[in-house]
Amino acid sequence: MSRIRATARQNLPTLMKTGSYYVIHVCVAALVAYAVTGNLIASLTLSLLEPTVQAVAFFFHEKAWERALRRRAAQPRAEPALAG
């Protein structure tokens, strides 16, 4: 359990961003699904299923981007060639 807590603390900004994204996505998805289906149960089901999968994918997408940015920052920069 302490490993989960440590991971959560280490990734807190990304988890908070993912959570806020999830709430907004569920609300938008529920409104769109209801507008399309006219069925409350179907709209709630769709609005919870799809954003849940998207939120998990978003978290890992953010982590991949962070890793790529760290790698790029760690690479030594090549000196520009001087025109002679």
C-alpha atoms as a PDB file:
ATOM      1  CA  MET A   1       0.000   0.000   0.000  1.00  0.00           C
ATOM      2  CA  SER A   2       2.848   2.414   0.711  1.00  0.00           C
ATOM      3  CA  ARG A   3       4.115   1.959  -2.853  1.00  0.00           C
ATOM      4  CA  ILE A   4       0.708   3.047  -4.178  1.00  0.00           C
ATOM      5  CA  ARG A   5       0.732   6.100  -1.907  1.00  0.00           C
ATOM      6  CA  ALA A   6       4.273   7.012  -2.942  1.00  0.00           C
ATOM      7  CA  THR A   7       3.353   6.683  -6.613  1.00  0.00           C
ATOM      8  CA  ALA A   8       0.218   8.776  -6.076  1.00  0.00           C
ATOM      9  CA  ARG A   9       2.215  11.497  -4.281  1.00  0.00           C
ATOM     10  CA  GLN A  10       4.871  11.493  -6.977  1.00  0.00           C
ATOM     11  CA  ASN A  11       2.239  11.831  -9.727  1.00  0.00           C
ATOM     12  CA  LEU A  12      -0.184  14.112  -7.872  1.00  0.00           C
ATOM     13  CA  PRO A  13      -0.297  16.952 -10.447  1.00  0.00           C
ATOM     14  CA  THR A  14      -0.945  14.512 -13.298  1.00  0.00           C
ATOM     15  CA  LEU A  15      -3.554  12.636 -11.249  1.00  0.00           C
ATOM     16  CA  MET A  16      -5.332  15.891 -10.373  1.00  0.00           C
ATOM     17  CA  LYS A  17      -5.296  16.981 -14.012  1.00  0.00           C
ATOM     18  CA  THR A  18      -6.603  13.556 -15.035  1.00  0.00           C
ATOM     19  CA  GLY A  19      -9.381  13.788 -12.422  1.00  0.00           C
ATOM     20  CA  SER A  20     -10.568  17.209 -13.544  1.00  0.00           C
ATOM     21  CA  TYR A  21     -10.438  16.077 -17.171  1.00  0.00           C
ATOM     22  CA  TYR A  22     -12.504  13.021 -16.213  1.00  0.00           C
ATOM     23  CA  VAL A  23     -15.259  15.048 -14.514  1.00  0.00           C
ATOM     24  CA  ILE A  24     -15.598  17.448 -17.437  1.00  0.00           C
ATOM     25  CA  HIS A  25     -15.517  14.596 -19.939  1.00  0.00           C
ATOM     26  CA  VAL A  26     -18.268  12.676 -18.095  1.00  0.00           C
ATOM     27  CA  CYS A  27     -20.518  15.733 -18.035  1.00  0.00           C
ATOM     28  CA  VAL A  28     -20.025  16.510 -21.717  1.00  0.00           C
ATOM     29  CA  ALA A  29     -20.394  12.846 -22.704  1.00  0.00           C
ATOM     30  CA  ALA A  30     -23.646  12.541 -20.696  1.00  0.00           C
ATOM     31  CA  LEU A  31     -25.155  15.592 -22.391  1.00  0.00           C
ATOM     32  CA  VAL A  32     -24.125  14.465 -25.870  1.00  0.00           C
ATOM     33  CA  ALA A  33     -25.245  10.866 -25.301  1.00  0.00           C
ATOM     34  CA  TYR A  34     -28.619  12.029 -23.968  1.00  0.00           C
ATOM     35  CA  ALA A  35     -29.067  14.406 -26.909  1.00  0.00           C
ATOM     36  CA  VAL A  36     -28.360  11.554 -29.322  1.00  0.00           C
ATOM     37  CA  THR A  37     -30.225   8.704 -27.599  1.00  0.00           C
ATOM     38  CA  GLY A  38     -32.914  10.475 -25.574  1.00  0.00           C
ATOM     39  CA  ASN A  39     -32.397   7.650 -23.062  1.00  0.00           C
ATOM     40  CA  LEU A  40     -31.137   8.567 -19.584  1.00  0.00           C
ATOM     41  CA  ILE A  41     -29.837   5.078 -18.697  1.00  0.00           C
ATOM     42  CA  ALA A  42     -27.993   4.690 -22.017  1.00  0.00           C
ATOM     43  CA  SER A  43     -26.513   8.175 -21.741  1.00  0.00           C
ATOM     44  CA  LEU A  44     -25.270   7.551 -18.188  1.00  0.00           C
ATOM     45  CA  THR A  45     -23.765   4.203 -19.182  1.00  0.00           C
ATOM     46  CA  LEU A  46     -21.992   5.674 -22.183  1.00  0.00           C
ATOM     47  CA  SER A  47     -20.870   8.751 -20.286  1.00  0.00           C
ATOM     48  CA  LEU A  48     -19.207   6.667 -17.579  1.00  0.00           C
ATOM     49  CA  LEU A  49     -17.659   3.965 -19.749  1.00  0.00           C
ATOM     50  CA  GLU A  50     -15.914   5.960 -22.470  1.00  0.00           C
ATOM     51  CA  PRO A  51     -14.433   8.753 -20.277  1.00  0.00           C
ATOM     52  CA  THR A  52     -13.158   6.181 -17.778  1.00  0.00           C
ATOM     53  CA  VAL A  53     -11.150   4.478 -20.506  1.00  0.00           C
ATOM     54  CA  GLN A  54     -10.056   7.880 -21.846  1.00  0.00           C
ATOM     55  CA  ALA A  55      -8.905   9.063 -18.395  1.00  0.00           C
ATOM     56  CA  VAL A  56      -6.659   6.027 -17.958  1.00  0.00           C
ATOM     57  CA  ALA A  57      -5.248   6.523 -21.458  1.00  0.00           C
ATOM     58  CA  PHE A  58      -4.762  10.253 -20.754  1.00  0.00           C
ATOM     59  CA  PHE A  59      -2.732   9.543 -17.602  1.00  0.00           C
ATOM     60  CA  PHE A  60      -0.317   7.291 -19.480  1.00  0.00           C
ATOM     61  CA  HIS A  61      -0.210   9.727 -22.400  1.00  0.00           C
ATOM     62  CA  GLU A  62       0.880  12.496 -20.013  1.00  0.00           C
ATOM     63  CA  LYS A  63       3.531  10.270 -18.449  1.00  0.00           C
ATOM     64  CA  ALA A  64       4.929   9.395 -21.901  1.00  0.00           C
ATOM     65  CA  TRP A  65       5.165  13.084 -22.801  1.00  0.00           C
ATOM     66  CA  GLU A  66       6.922  13.882 -19.516  1.00  0.00           C
ATOM     67  CA  ARG A  67       9.432  11.096 -20.163  1.00  0.00           C
ATOM     68  CA  ALA A  68      10.061  12.346 -23.713  1.00  0.00           C
ATOM     69  CA  LEU A  69      10.623  15.910 -22.469  1.00  0.00           C
ATOM     70  CA  ARG A  70      13.056  14.707 -19.799  1.00  0.00           C
ATOM     71  CA  ARG A  71      15.020  12.719 -22.402  1.00  0.00           C
ATOM     72  CA  ARG A  72      15.166  15.696 -24.731  1.00  0.00           C
ATOM     73  CA  ALA A  73      16.359  17.980 -21.913  1.00  0.00           C
ATOM     74  CA  ALA A  74      19.068  15.464 -20.930  1.00  0.00           C
ATOM     75  CA  GLN A  75      20.528  15.210 -24.440  1.00  0.00           C
ATOM     76  CA  PRO A  76      23.584  17.358 -25.057  1.00  0.00           C
ATOM     77  CA  ARG A  77      22.958  20.100 -27.555  1.00  0.00           C
ATOM     78  CA  ALA A  78      25.065  20.122 -30.698  1.00  0.00           C
ATOM     79  CA  GLU A  79      27.027  23.301 -31.349  1.00  0.00           C
ATOM     80  CA  PRO A  80      25.877  25.096 -34.507  1.00  0.00           C
ATOM     81  CA  ALA A  81      28.405  25.064 -37.338  1.00  0.00           C
ATOM     82  CA  LEU A  82      30.125  28.377 -37.903  1.00  0.00           C
ATOM     83  CA  ALA A  83      29.954  29.772 -41.419  1.00  0.00           C
ATOM     84  CA  GLY A  84      33.429  30.468 -42.635  1.00  0.00           C
END
